[in-house]
Amino acid sequence: MTRRFFSSEDLEKISRAVKEAEKRTAGEIVPYFVERSDTYDVAAWRGGALFASIAVVAIALLHLLTETWHGLGPLEIGIIILGALGLGVFITHRVAPLKRLLAGNDLLELRVAQRAAQAFIAEEVFKTRDRTGILLFLSLLEHKVLVVGDSGISARVEQSEWRDVVETITRGIQTGKPADGLIEAIRKCGILLQKKGVRRHRADRNELGNKLRIGKTQRRKP
């Protein structure tokens, strides 16, 4: 999956960007990428129901406006509706904008937040000397980005102050250049942390590594 979105050169540039940003600050930046935070099966079934409803309306209009209805029996009508349902499920799974639309923004935000929390724990972002770990979480399908800072970060940086970092990554996703967006956001992250007083000390060391983490999609119940 990694090669679809990030080349070997991209991965190297991201690691270098983290290393350079951390020269400015005691913050430990952990970039994390998932293709999607959930499978959104509920969106697929909504797509199926939508297509099936369209098929029912089309059949009713044929009955009202033409003589075509007289050639369709209950079996044929059932097959058409089931076919439309299956087509809707298939298309919704394949077409990302439709999946986002049918899932709804509230569900997208919930699943991304849940997946980011899992990543924060799995990567032990909390496990730094001064609690200065920070997760940059990208979820591609949803076009959503979360910045999750440990207590040493959140005590100095308000969540609203990450807006520019988030928007930079989001633009990269939307333009098909997630690596470029992430690299620039990491640079801005280092500058912001330095500005907010999360300064690097002589005894600081690289506690969490610099590489981009690639996560898996988590399947959840609707």
N, C-alpha and C. Protein backbone atom coordinates (compact mmCIF):
# COMPACT_ATOMS: atom_id res chain seq x y z
N MET A 1 0.83 -1.20 0.00
CA MET A 1 0.00 0.00 0.00
C MET A 1 0.87 1.26 0.00
N THR A 2 2.02 1.21 0.71
CA THR A 2 2.85 2.40 0.86
C THR A 2 3.27 2.97 -0.48
N ARG A 3 3.65 2.11 -1.41
CA ARG A 3 4.17 2.56 -2.70
C ARG A 3 3.12 3.29 -3.53
N ARG A 4 1.85 3.05 -3.26
CA ARG A 4 0.77 3.72 -3.99
C ARG A 4 0.74 5.21 -3.69
N PHE A 5 1.20 5.59 -2.52
CA PHE A 5 1.08 6.98 -2.08
C PHE A 5 2.43 7.64 -1.77
N PHE A 6 3.42 6.82 -1.41
CA PHE A 6 4.72 7.37 -1.03
C PHE A 6 5.83 6.54 -1.68
N SER A 7 6.67 7.20 -2.45
CA SER A 7 7.81 6.53 -3.04
C SER A 7 8.90 6.36 -1.98
N SER A 8 9.92 5.60 -2.30
CA SER A 8 11.05 5.45 -1.39
C SER A 8 11.70 6.81 -1.11
N GLU A 9 11.75 7.63 -2.15
CA GLU A 9 12.31 8.98 -1.99
C GLU A 9 11.44 9.82 -1.06
N ASP A 10 10.11 9.69 -1.19
CA ASP A 10 9.19 10.42 -0.31
C ASP A 10 9.43 10.04 1.15
N LEU A 11 9.57 8.74 1.40
CA LEU A 11 9.75 8.26 2.77
C LEU A 11 11.05 8.80 3.36
N GLU A 12 12.08 8.86 2.53
CA GLU A 12 13.36 9.39 3.00
C GLU A 12 13.23 10.88 3.30
N LYS A 13 12.53 11.63 2.43
CA LYS A 13 12.34 13.06 2.64
C LYS A 13 11.54 13.33 3.92
N ILE A 14 10.54 12.51 4.17
CA ILE A 14 9.73 12.67 5.38
C ILE A 14 10.58 12.44 6.62
N SER A 15 11.41 11.40 6.61
CA SER A 15 12.29 11.13 7.75
C SER A 15 13.25 12.30 7.98
N ARG A 16 13.80 12.85 6.89
CA ARG A 16 14.71 13.98 7.02
C ARG A 16 13.98 15.20 7.56
N ALA A 17 12.73 15.39 7.10
CA ALA A 17 11.95 16.54 7.57
C ALA A 17 11.71 16.45 9.08
N VAL A 18 11.40 15.27 9.57
CA VAL A 18 11.21 15.09 11.01
C VAL A 18 12.50 15.38 11.76
N LYS A 19 13.60 14.86 11.25
CA LYS A 19 14.89 15.07 11.90
C LYS A 19 15.23 16.55 11.97
N GLU A 20 14.99 17.28 10.87
CA GLU A 20 15.28 18.71 10.84
C GLU A 20 14.36 19.49 11.78
N ALA A 21 13.08 19.13 11.79
CA ALA A 21 12.13 19.83 12.66
C ALA A 21 12.48 19.62 14.13
N GLU A 22 12.94 18.42 14.47
CA GLU A 22 13.24 18.12 15.87
C GLU A 22 14.55 18.74 16.34
N LYS A 23 15.32 19.33 15.41
CA LYS A 23 16.49 20.10 15.82
C LYS A 23 16.08 21.41 16.49
N ARG A 24 14.85 21.84 16.22
CA ARG A 24 14.34 23.10 16.77
C ARG A 24 13.68 22.93 18.14
N THR A 25 13.25 21.70 18.45
CA THR A 25 12.31 21.52 19.54
C THR A 25 12.52 20.18 20.26
N ALA A 26 12.03 20.13 21.49
CA ALA A 26 12.02 18.88 22.25
C ALA A 26 10.86 18.00 21.83
N GLY A 27 9.98 18.52 21.00
CA GLY A 27 8.85 17.73 20.52
C GLY A 27 9.31 16.53 19.70
N GLU A 28 8.65 15.40 19.91
CA GLU A 28 8.94 14.17 19.15
C GLU A 28 7.79 13.95 18.17
N ILE A 29 8.04 14.24 16.89
CA ILE A 29 6.99 14.23 15.87
C ILE A 29 6.86 12.83 15.27
N VAL A 30 5.65 12.30 15.30
CA VAL A 30 5.38 10.97 14.76
C VAL A 30 4.36 11.08 13.63
N PRO A 31 4.80 11.06 12.37
CA PRO A 31 3.84 11.07 11.25
C PRO A 31 3.25 9.68 11.05
N TYR A 32 1.94 9.65 10.83
CA TYR A 32 1.22 8.36 10.75
C TYR A 32 0.19 8.45 9.64
N PHE A 33 0.18 7.46 8.75
CA PHE A 33 -0.71 7.48 7.58
C PHE A 33 -1.55 6.21 7.52
N VAL A 34 -2.85 6.38 7.25
CA VAL A 34 -3.71 5.24 6.91
C VAL A 34 -4.48 5.59 5.63
N GLU A 35 -4.73 4.58 4.82
CA GLU A 35 -5.50 4.81 3.60
C GLU A 35 -6.94 5.19 3.93
N ARG A 36 -7.47 4.58 4.99
CA ARG A 36 -8.81 4.93 5.50
C ARG A 36 -8.88 4.50 6.95
N SER A 37 -9.70 5.17 7.73
CA SER A 37 -9.82 4.84 9.15
C SER A 37 -10.88 3.79 9.42
N ASP A 38 -11.69 3.49 8.43
CA ASP A 38 -12.76 2.50 8.59
C ASP A 38 -13.17 2.03 7.20
N THR A 39 -13.84 0.90 7.11
CA THR A 39 -14.35 0.42 5.82
C THR A 39 -15.68 1.08 5.45
N TYR A 40 -16.37 1.65 6.43
CA TYR A 40 -17.64 2.35 6.22
C TYR A 40 -18.65 1.48 5.47
N ASP A 41 -18.86 0.28 6.00
CA ASP A 41 -19.84 -0.62 5.39
C ASP A 41 -21.24 0.00 5.39
N VAL A 42 -21.53 0.79 6.41
CA VAL A 42 -22.84 1.43 6.48
C VAL A 42 -23.06 2.34 5.29
N ALA A 43 -22.00 2.99 4.81
CA ALA A 43 -22.13 3.86 3.64
C ALA A 43 -22.45 3.05 2.40
N ALA A 44 -21.82 1.87 2.28
CA ALA A 44 -22.08 1.01 1.13
C ALA A 44 -23.54 0.55 1.11
N TRP A 45 -24.06 0.18 2.27
CA TRP A 45 -25.47 -0.25 2.31
C TRP A 45 -26.42 0.91 2.05
N ARG A 46 -26.04 2.10 2.48
CA ARG A 46 -26.85 3.27 2.15
C ARG A 46 -26.83 3.51 0.64
N GLY A 47 -25.67 3.31 0.02
CA GLY A 47 -25.58 3.42 -1.43
C GLY A 47 -26.46 2.40 -2.13
N GLY A 48 -26.44 1.16 -1.61
CA GLY A 48 -27.30 0.13 -2.17
C GLY A 48 -28.77 0.49 -2.05
N ALA A 49 -29.17 0.99 -0.88
CA ALA A 49 -30.56 1.38 -0.67
C ALA A 49 -30.95 2.53 -1.59
N LEU A 50 -30.01 3.46 -1.80
CA LEU A 50 -30.28 4.60 -2.69
C LEU A 50 -30.52 4.11 -4.13
N PHE A 51 -29.64 3.25 -4.63
CA PHE A 51 -29.80 2.74 -5.98
C PHE A 51 -31.07 1.91 -6.12
N ALA A 52 -31.39 1.10 -5.10
CA ALA A 52 -32.61 0.30 -5.14
C ALA A 52 -33.84 1.21 -5.17
N SER A 53 -33.80 2.29 -4.40
CA SER A 53 -34.92 3.24 -4.39
C SER A 53 -35.08 3.90 -5.75
N ILE A 54 -33.97 4.23 -6.38
CA ILE A 54 -34.03 4.82 -7.72
C ILE A 54 -34.65 3.84 -8.70
N ALA A 55 -34.29 2.56 -8.56
CA ALA A 55 -34.86 1.53 -9.44
C ALA A 55 -36.37 1.42 -9.25
N VAL A 56 -36.82 1.47 -8.00
CA VAL A 56 -38.27 1.40 -7.72
C VAL A 56 -38.99 2.59 -8.34
N VAL A 57 -38.42 3.78 -8.19
CA VAL A 57 -39.04 4.98 -8.76
C VAL A 57 -39.08 4.88 -10.28
N ALA A 58 -37.99 4.39 -10.88
CA ALA A 58 -37.94 4.25 -12.34
C ALA A 58 -39.01 3.28 -12.84
N ILE A 59 -39.17 2.17 -12.13
CA ILE A 59 -40.19 1.19 -12.52
C ILE A 59 -41.58 1.79 -12.40
N ALA A 60 -41.82 2.54 -11.31
CA ALA A 60 -43.13 3.18 -11.12
C ALA A 60 -43.42 4.19 -12.23
N LEU A 61 -42.39 4.94 -12.63
CA LEU A 61 -42.58 5.92 -13.71
C LEU A 61 -42.86 5.21 -15.04
N LEU A 62 -42.18 4.10 -15.26
CA LEU A 62 -42.45 3.32 -16.47
C LEU A 62 -43.89 2.84 -16.49
N HIS A 63 -44.37 2.45 -15.34
CA HIS A 63 -45.76 1.99 -15.24
C HIS A 63 -46.74 3.13 -15.53
N LEU A 64 -46.42 4.33 -15.04
CA LEU A 64 -47.33 5.46 -15.22
C LEU A 64 -47.28 6.06 -16.63
N LEU A 65 -46.09 6.07 -17.21
CA LEU A 65 -45.89 6.82 -18.44
C LEU A 65 -45.79 5.98 -19.71
N THR A 66 -45.57 4.69 -19.55
CA THR A 66 -45.40 3.83 -20.74
C THR A 66 -46.12 2.51 -20.53
N GLU A 67 -46.01 1.66 -21.53
CA GLU A 67 -46.60 0.33 -21.45
C GLU A 67 -45.57 -0.72 -21.04
N THR A 68 -44.36 -0.28 -20.71
CA THR A 68 -43.28 -1.22 -20.42
C THR A 68 -43.59 -2.10 -19.23
N TRP A 69 -44.30 -1.56 -18.26
CA TRP A 69 -44.64 -2.31 -17.04
C TRP A 69 -45.26 -3.66 -17.36
N HIS A 70 -46.08 -3.72 -18.41
CA HIS A 70 -46.83 -4.95 -18.71
C HIS A 70 -45.92 -6.11 -19.09
N GLY A 71 -44.65 -5.82 -19.41
CA GLY A 71 -43.72 -6.90 -19.73
C GLY A 71 -42.90 -7.35 -18.54
N LEU A 72 -43.10 -6.74 -17.39
CA LEU A 72 -42.31 -7.07 -16.22
C LEU A 72 -43.17 -7.76 -15.17
N GLY A 73 -42.74 -8.96 -14.79
CA GLY A 73 -43.42 -9.68 -13.73
C GLY A 73 -42.74 -9.43 -12.40
N PRO A 74 -43.31 -9.96 -11.33
CA PRO A 74 -42.71 -9.77 -10.00
C PRO A 74 -41.27 -10.25 -9.93
N LEU A 75 -40.96 -11.38 -10.60
CA LEU A 75 -39.59 -11.89 -10.56
C LEU A 75 -38.62 -10.92 -11.22
N GLU A 76 -38.99 -10.43 -12.41
CA GLU A 76 -38.12 -9.48 -13.11
C GLU A 76 -37.93 -8.19 -12.30
N ILE A 77 -39.02 -7.72 -11.71
CA ILE A 77 -38.93 -6.50 -10.90
C ILE A 77 -38.00 -6.72 -9.70
N GLY A 78 -38.13 -7.87 -9.05
CA GLY A 78 -37.28 -8.20 -7.91
C GLY A 78 -35.81 -8.27 -8.31
N ILE A 79 -35.54 -8.87 -9.47
CA ILE A 79 -34.17 -8.98 -9.95
C ILE A 79 -33.59 -7.59 -10.23
N ILE A 80 -34.38 -6.72 -10.84
CA ILE A 80 -33.92 -5.36 -11.13
C ILE A 80 -33.57 -4.62 -9.85
N ILE A 81 -34.45 -4.73 -8.86
CA ILE A 81 -34.22 -4.00 -7.60
C ILE A 81 -33.00 -4.56 -6.87
N LEU A 82 -32.87 -5.90 -6.81
CA LEU A 82 -31.70 -6.50 -6.16
C LEU A 82 -30.41 -6.16 -6.91
N GLY A 83 -30.50 -6.13 -8.24
CA GLY A 83 -29.34 -5.76 -9.03
C GLY A 83 -28.91 -4.33 -8.77
N ALA A 84 -29.92 -3.45 -8.64
CA ALA A 84 -29.62 -2.05 -8.35
C ALA A 84 -28.99 -1.91 -6.97
N LEU A 85 -29.49 -2.68 -6.01
CA LEU A 85 -28.93 -2.64 -4.66
C LEU A 85 -27.46 -3.07 -4.68
N GLY A 86 -27.19 -4.20 -5.35
CA GLY A 86 -25.81 -4.69 -5.43
C GLY A 86 -24.90 -3.71 -6.15
N LEU A 87 -25.40 -3.09 -7.21
CA LEU A 87 -24.61 -2.10 -7.94
C LEU A 87 -24.30 -0.90 -7.07
N GLY A 88 -25.29 -0.48 -6.28
CA GLY A 88 -25.06 0.66 -5.38
C GLY A 88 -24.01 0.36 -4.33
N VAL A 89 -24.06 -0.85 -3.77
CA VAL A 89 -23.05 -1.25 -2.78
C VAL A 89 -21.67 -1.24 -3.42
N PHE A 90 -21.56 -1.82 -4.61
CA PHE A 90 -20.26 -1.91 -5.31
C PHE A 90 -19.71 -0.53 -5.64
N ILE A 91 -20.54 0.32 -6.21
CA ILE A 91 -20.08 1.65 -6.62
C ILE A 91 -19.67 2.49 -5.41
N THR A 92 -20.45 2.41 -4.33
CA THR A 92 -20.13 3.18 -3.14
C THR A 92 -18.80 2.74 -2.54
N HIS A 93 -18.52 1.43 -2.58
CA HIS A 93 -17.23 0.95 -2.09
C HIS A 93 -16.08 1.49 -2.93
N ARG A 94 -16.33 1.68 -4.23
CA ARG A 94 -15.26 2.06 -5.15
C ARG A 94 -15.07 3.56 -5.32
N VAL A 95 -16.12 4.33 -5.11
CA VAL A 95 -16.07 5.77 -5.38
C VAL A 95 -15.95 6.53 -4.06
N ALA A 96 -14.75 7.03 -3.78
CA ALA A 96 -14.47 7.65 -2.48
C ALA A 96 -15.37 8.85 -2.17
N PRO A 97 -15.59 9.78 -3.10
CA PRO A 97 -16.47 10.91 -2.77
C PRO A 97 -17.89 10.47 -2.38
N LEU A 98 -18.41 9.45 -3.06
CA LEU A 98 -19.74 8.95 -2.73
C LEU A 98 -19.74 8.29 -1.36
N LYS A 99 -18.68 7.57 -1.07
CA LYS A 99 -18.58 6.92 0.25
C LYS A 99 -18.54 7.97 1.36
N ARG A 100 -17.75 9.04 1.15
CA ARG A 100 -17.70 10.10 2.16
C ARG A 100 -19.06 10.75 2.35
N LEU A 101 -19.74 11.00 1.23
CA LEU A 101 -21.05 11.65 1.30
C LEU A 101 -22.06 10.81 2.06
N LEU A 102 -22.10 9.51 1.76
CA LEU A 102 -23.10 8.64 2.37
C LEU A 102 -22.74 8.25 3.80
N ALA A 103 -21.45 8.27 4.12
CA ALA A 103 -21.06 7.99 5.50
C ALA A 103 -21.45 9.16 6.41
N GLY A 104 -21.31 10.37 5.88
CA GLY A 104 -21.64 11.56 6.68
C GLY A 104 -20.43 12.04 7.47
N ASN A 105 -20.30 13.34 7.58
CA ASN A 105 -19.12 13.92 8.21
C ASN A 105 -18.97 13.54 9.68
N ASP A 106 -20.09 13.40 10.38
CA ASP A 106 -20.00 13.05 11.81
C ASP A 106 -19.35 11.69 11.99
N LEU A 107 -19.75 10.70 11.17
CA LEU A 107 -19.17 9.36 11.27
C LEU A 107 -17.71 9.38 10.85
N LEU A 108 -17.39 10.13 9.80
CA LEU A 108 -16.00 10.23 9.36
C LEU A 108 -15.12 10.78 10.49
N GLU A 109 -15.57 11.85 11.12
CA GLU A 109 -14.77 12.45 12.19
C GLU A 109 -14.63 11.50 13.38
N LEU A 110 -15.68 10.78 13.70
CA LEU A 110 -15.63 9.83 14.81
C LEU A 110 -14.62 8.73 14.55
N ARG A 111 -14.69 8.13 13.36
CA ARG A 111 -13.79 7.02 13.03
C ARG A 111 -12.34 7.48 12.95
N VAL A 112 -12.10 8.65 12.41
CA VAL A 112 -10.73 9.16 12.33
C VAL A 112 -10.19 9.41 13.74
N ALA A 113 -11.01 9.99 14.61
CA ALA A 113 -10.57 10.24 15.98
C ALA A 113 -10.27 8.92 16.70
N GLN A 114 -11.11 7.92 16.50
CA GLN A 114 -10.88 6.62 17.14
C GLN A 114 -9.60 5.98 16.64
N ARG A 115 -9.38 6.06 15.31
CA ARG A 115 -8.19 5.43 14.73
C ARG A 115 -6.93 6.19 15.17
N ALA A 116 -7.01 7.50 15.27
CA ALA A 116 -5.87 8.28 15.74
C ALA A 116 -5.52 7.93 17.18
N ALA A 117 -6.53 7.73 18.00
CA ALA A 117 -6.28 7.35 19.40
C ALA A 117 -5.58 5.99 19.46
N GLN A 118 -6.00 5.06 18.60
CA GLN A 118 -5.33 3.76 18.54
C GLN A 118 -3.86 3.92 18.14
N ALA A 119 -3.62 4.77 17.14
CA ALA A 119 -2.25 4.99 16.67
C ALA A 119 -1.39 5.62 17.76
N PHE A 120 -1.95 6.55 18.49
CA PHE A 120 -1.22 7.23 19.56
C PHE A 120 -0.72 6.22 20.59
N ILE A 121 -1.58 5.27 20.92
CA ILE A 121 -1.22 4.25 21.91
C ILE A 121 -0.26 3.23 21.31
N ALA A 122 -0.57 2.75 20.10
CA ALA A 122 0.24 1.71 19.47
C ALA A 122 1.68 2.17 19.24
N GLU A 123 1.85 3.44 18.89
CA GLU A 123 3.19 3.96 18.62
C GLU A 123 3.86 4.54 19.88
N GLU A 124 3.16 4.41 21.00
CA GLU A 124 3.69 4.87 22.30
C GLU A 124 4.17 6.33 22.24
N VAL A 125 3.33 7.15 21.64
CA VAL A 125 3.66 8.57 21.52
C VAL A 125 3.77 9.22 22.90
N PHE A 126 3.12 8.62 23.88
CA PHE A 126 3.16 9.12 25.26
C PHE A 126 4.47 8.78 25.97
N LYS A 127 5.28 7.95 25.36
CA LYS A 127 6.44 7.40 26.06
C LYS A 127 7.70 8.22 25.80
N THR A 128 7.66 9.49 26.20
CA THR A 128 8.85 10.35 26.11
C THR A 128 9.13 10.93 27.49
N ARG A 129 10.33 11.37 27.69
CA ARG A 129 10.76 11.84 29.01
C ARG A 129 9.91 12.98 29.53
N ASP A 130 9.65 13.94 28.66
CA ASP A 130 8.91 15.14 29.09
C ASP A 130 7.49 15.18 28.53
N ARG A 131 7.00 14.03 28.07
CA ARG A 131 5.64 13.93 27.50
C ARG A 131 5.46 14.93 26.36
N THR A 132 6.44 14.93 25.45
CA THR A 132 6.42 15.88 24.33
C THR A 132 6.22 15.19 22.98
N GLY A 133 5.61 14.02 23.00
CA GLY A 133 5.29 13.34 21.74
C GLY A 133 4.12 14.01 21.05
N ILE A 134 4.13 13.97 19.72
CA ILE A 134 3.04 14.56 18.95
C ILE A 134 2.77 13.70 17.71
N LEU A 135 1.53 13.32 17.55
CA LEU A 135 1.11 12.48 16.43
C LEU A 135 0.51 13.34 15.32
N LEU A 136 1.05 13.24 14.10
CA LEU A 136 0.43 13.84 12.92
C LEU A 136 -0.27 12.72 12.17
N PHE A 137 -1.57 12.67 12.29
CA PHE A 137 -2.35 11.54 11.77
C PHE A 137 -3.07 11.92 10.49
N LEU A 138 -2.78 11.21 9.40
CA LEU A 138 -3.41 11.45 8.10
C LEU A 138 -4.30 10.27 7.75
N SER A 139 -5.55 10.55 7.41
CA SER A 139 -6.46 9.52 6.92
C SER A 139 -6.92 9.92 5.53
N LEU A 140 -6.45 9.19 4.53
CA LEU A 140 -6.57 9.64 3.14
C LEU A 140 -8.00 9.66 2.63
N LEU A 141 -8.73 8.58 2.78
CA LEU A 141 -10.09 8.52 2.25
C LEU A 141 -10.94 9.68 2.75
N GLU A 142 -10.84 9.94 4.03
CA GLU A 142 -11.68 10.96 4.65
C GLU A 142 -11.21 12.38 4.39
N HIS A 143 -9.99 12.54 3.86
CA HIS A 143 -9.38 13.86 3.70
C HIS A 143 -9.32 14.57 5.04
N LYS A 144 -8.96 13.83 6.10
CA LYS A 144 -8.93 14.42 7.43
C LYS A 144 -7.57 14.20 8.08
N VAL A 145 -7.20 15.16 8.89
CA VAL A 145 -5.92 15.16 9.59
C VAL A 145 -6.17 15.54 11.05
N LEU A 146 -5.51 14.82 11.94
CA LEU A 146 -5.58 15.17 13.36
C LEU A 146 -4.17 15.34 13.90
N VAL A 147 -4.00 16.33 14.74
CA VAL A 147 -2.76 16.50 15.48
C VAL A 147 -3.06 16.20 16.94
N VAL A 148 -2.39 15.18 17.47
CA VAL A 148 -2.64 14.75 18.85
C VAL A 148 -1.35 14.89 19.64
N GLY A 149 -1.32 15.84 20.54
CA GLY A 149 -0.13 16.08 21.34
C GLY A 149 -0.26 15.50 22.73
N ASP A 150 0.85 15.01 23.28
CA ASP A 150 0.87 14.53 24.66
C ASP A 150 0.77 15.74 25.60
N SER A 151 0.75 15.47 26.89
CA SER A 151 0.47 16.53 27.87
C SER A 151 1.49 17.66 27.83
N GLY A 152 2.76 17.32 27.56
CA GLY A 152 3.78 18.35 27.50
C GLY A 152 3.62 19.29 26.32
N ILE A 153 2.91 18.83 25.29
CA ILE A 153 2.63 19.65 24.11
C ILE A 153 1.34 20.44 24.31
N SER A 154 0.29 19.74 24.72
CA SER A 154 -1.02 20.39 24.85
C SER A 154 -1.02 21.46 25.93
N ALA A 155 -0.08 21.38 26.89
CA ALA A 155 0.02 22.42 27.92
C ALA A 155 0.51 23.74 27.33
N ARG A 156 1.17 23.69 26.17
CA ARG A 156 1.74 24.90 25.58
C ARG A 156 1.06 25.32 24.28
N VAL A 157 0.47 24.37 23.57
CA VAL A 157 -0.11 24.65 22.25
C VAL A 157 -1.60 24.35 22.27
N GLU A 158 -2.42 25.36 22.02
CA GLU A 158 -3.86 25.15 21.91
C GLU A 158 -4.18 24.37 20.64
N GLN A 159 -5.25 23.59 20.68
CA GLN A 159 -5.62 22.78 19.53
C GLN A 159 -5.86 23.63 18.28
N SER A 160 -6.41 24.83 18.48
CA SER A 160 -6.69 25.71 17.35
C SER A 160 -5.42 26.19 16.65
N GLU A 161 -4.30 26.16 17.36
CA GLU A 161 -3.05 26.64 16.79
C GLU A 161 -2.43 25.66 15.80
N TRP A 162 -2.99 24.47 15.72
CA TRP A 162 -2.52 23.48 14.75
C TRP A 162 -3.21 23.65 13.40
N ARG A 163 -4.10 24.63 13.27
CA ARG A 163 -4.92 24.74 12.06
C ARG A 163 -4.07 24.81 10.79
N ASP A 164 -3.03 25.59 10.81
CA ASP A 164 -2.20 25.74 9.60
C ASP A 164 -1.51 24.43 9.24
N VAL A 165 -1.05 23.70 10.25
CA VAL A 165 -0.43 22.39 10.02
C VAL A 165 -1.43 21.43 9.40
N VAL A 166 -2.64 21.40 9.97
CA VAL A 166 -3.69 20.51 9.46
C VAL A 166 -4.06 20.87 8.02
N GLU A 167 -4.25 22.15 7.76
CA GLU A 167 -4.65 22.59 6.42
C GLU A 167 -3.56 22.30 5.38
N THR A 168 -2.31 22.38 5.78
CA THR A 168 -1.22 22.09 4.85
C THR A 168 -1.24 20.62 4.43
N ILE A 169 -1.45 19.72 5.38
CA ILE A 169 -1.52 18.29 5.04
C ILE A 169 -2.77 18.00 4.23
N THR A 170 -3.89 18.60 4.60
CA THR A 170 -5.14 18.37 3.89
C THR A 170 -5.04 18.79 2.44
N ARG A 171 -4.41 19.94 2.19
CA ARG A 171 -4.22 20.38 0.80
C ARG A 171 -3.39 19.38 0.02
N GLY A 172 -2.39 18.84 0.66
CA GLY A 172 -1.56 17.83 0.00
C GLY A 172 -2.37 16.60 -0.37
N ILE A 173 -3.25 16.17 0.51
CA ILE A 173 -4.12 15.02 0.22
C ILE A 173 -5.05 15.34 -0.94
N GLN A 174 -5.68 16.50 -0.88
CA GLN A 174 -6.67 16.87 -1.90
C GLN A 174 -6.06 17.05 -3.28
N THR A 175 -4.80 17.44 -3.33
CA THR A 175 -4.13 17.65 -4.62
C THR A 175 -3.35 16.42 -5.08
N GLY A 176 -3.48 15.32 -4.34
CA GLY A 176 -2.79 14.10 -4.73
C GLY A 176 -1.31 14.10 -4.41
N LYS A 177 -0.88 14.98 -3.48
CA LYS A 177 0.53 15.06 -3.11
C LYS A 177 0.66 15.00 -1.58
N PRO A 178 0.26 13.87 -1.00
CA PRO A 178 0.29 13.77 0.46
C PRO A 178 1.69 13.91 1.05
N ALA A 179 2.71 13.43 0.33
CA ALA A 179 4.08 13.53 0.85
C ALA A 179 4.52 14.98 0.96
N ASP A 180 4.27 15.76 -0.10
CA ASP A 180 4.65 17.18 -0.09
C ASP A 180 3.95 17.94 1.03
N GLY A 181 2.66 17.67 1.18
CA GLY A 181 1.90 18.33 2.25
C GLY A 181 2.42 17.96 3.62
N LEU A 182 2.74 16.69 3.80
CA LEU A 182 3.23 16.23 5.10
C LEU A 182 4.60 16.83 5.43
N ILE A 183 5.48 16.86 4.44
CA ILE A 183 6.82 17.41 4.66
C ILE A 183 6.75 18.88 5.07
N GLU A 184 5.93 19.67 4.38
CA GLU A 184 5.79 21.08 4.72
C GLU A 184 5.14 21.25 6.09
N ALA A 185 4.17 20.40 6.41
CA ALA A 185 3.51 20.48 7.71
C ALA A 185 4.47 20.14 8.84
N ILE A 186 5.34 19.18 8.62
CA ILE A 186 6.34 18.83 9.64
C ILE A 186 7.25 20.02 9.91
N ARG A 187 7.66 20.70 8.84
CA ARG A 187 8.49 21.90 9.00
C ARG A 187 7.76 22.95 9.83
N LYS A 188 6.49 23.20 9.51
CA LYS A 188 5.70 24.18 10.25
C LYS A 188 5.50 23.75 11.70
N CYS A 189 5.38 22.46 11.91
CA CYS A 189 5.20 21.92 13.25
C CYS A 189 6.42 22.25 14.11
N GLY A 190 7.61 22.03 13.56
CA GLY A 190 8.83 22.34 14.30
C GLY A 190 8.93 23.81 14.66
N ILE A 191 8.57 24.67 13.71
CA ILE A 191 8.62 26.12 13.95
C ILE A 191 7.63 26.52 15.04
N LEU A 192 6.42 25.98 14.98
CA LEU A 192 5.39 26.31 15.97
C LEU A 192 5.82 25.86 17.37
N LEU A 193 6.34 24.66 17.47
CA LEU A 193 6.75 24.14 18.78
C LEU A 193 7.89 24.97 19.36
N GLN A 194 8.81 25.38 18.52
CA GLN A 194 9.90 26.24 18.98
C GLN A 194 9.35 27.58 19.46
N LYS A 195 8.42 28.14 18.69
CA LYS A 195 7.81 29.42 19.04
C LYS A 195 7.06 29.35 20.37
N LYS A 196 6.43 28.21 20.64
CA LYS A 196 5.62 28.05 21.85
C LYS A 196 6.46 27.61 23.05
N GLY A 197 7.77 27.55 22.87
CA GLY A 197 8.64 27.28 24.00
C GLY A 197 8.96 25.83 24.28
N VAL A 198 8.62 24.94 23.34
CA VAL A 198 8.97 23.52 23.51
C VAL A 198 10.38 23.35 22.94
N ARG A 199 11.34 23.89 23.66
CA ARG A 199 12.70 23.99 23.14
C ARG A 199 13.52 22.73 23.41
N ARG A 200 14.42 22.48 22.50
CA ARG A 200 15.30 21.33 22.62
C ARG A 200 16.37 21.61 23.67
N HIS A 201 16.70 20.58 24.46
CA HIS A 201 17.74 20.69 25.48
C HIS A 201 18.94 19.83 25.08
N ARG A 202 20.05 20.13 25.69
CA ARG A 202 21.28 19.43 25.33
C ARG A 202 21.17 17.93 25.56
N ALA A 203 20.42 17.52 26.56
CA ALA A 203 20.30 16.10 26.89
C ALA A 203 19.25 15.37 26.05
N ASP A 204 18.52 16.09 25.22
CA ASP A 204 17.47 15.46 24.41
C ASP A 204 18.06 14.45 23.43
N ARG A 205 17.31 13.40 23.19
CA ARG A 205 17.69 12.41 22.19
C ARG A 205 16.44 12.02 21.39
N ASN A 206 16.67 11.32 20.30
CA ASN A 206 15.56 10.91 19.44
C ASN A 206 14.87 9.70 20.07
N GLU A 207 13.72 9.92 20.68
CA GLU A 207 13.07 8.87 21.46
C GLU A 207 12.07 8.03 20.66
N LEU A 208 11.52 8.58 19.59
CA LEU A 208 10.44 7.86 18.89
C LEU A 208 10.76 7.56 17.43
N GLY A 209 11.92 7.90 16.94
CA GLY A 209 12.24 7.62 15.54
C GLY A 209 11.62 8.63 14.60
N ASN A 210 12.09 8.64 13.36
CA ASN A 210 11.68 9.68 12.41
C ASN A 210 10.82 9.18 11.25
N LYS A 211 10.68 7.90 11.07
CA LYS A 211 10.04 7.39 9.87
C LYS A 211 8.52 7.57 9.88
N LEU A 212 7.96 7.57 8.69
CA LEU A 212 6.50 7.59 8.54
C LEU A 212 5.95 6.22 8.90
N ARG A 213 4.95 6.20 9.78
CA ARG A 213 4.28 4.95 10.13
C ARG A 213 3.10 4.74 9.19
N ILE A 214 2.91 3.51 8.74
CA ILE A 214 1.80 3.16 7.87
C ILE A 214 0.87 2.23 8.63
N GLY A 215 -0.37 2.67 8.85
CA GLY A 215 -1.31 1.87 9.61
C GLY A 215 -2.28 1.12 8.75
N LYS A 216 -2.99 0.20 9.35
CA LYS A 216 -4.00 -0.60 8.67
C LYS A 216 -5.39 -0.05 8.93
N THR A 217 -6.30 -0.38 8.03
CA THR A 217 -7.71 0.01 8.21
C THR A 217 -8.34 -0.86 9.28
N GLN A 218 -9.11 -0.23 10.18
CA GLN A 218 -9.83 -0.94 11.21
C GLN A 218 -11.29 -1.07 10.82
N ARG A 219 -11.81 -2.29 10.84
CA ARG A 219 -13.23 -2.50 10.56
C ARG A 219 -14.02 -2.38 11.85
N ARG A 220 -15.03 -1.54 11.83
CA ARG A 220 -15.86 -1.32 13.01
C ARG A 220 -17.33 -1.56 12.65
N LYS A 221 -18.10 -1.80 13.69
CA LYS A 221 -19.54 -1.94 13.48
C LYS A 221 -20.14 -0.56 13.28
N PRO A 222 -21.23 -0.46 12.50
CA PRO A 222 -21.89 0.84 12.29
C PRO A 222 -22.32 1.45 13.61
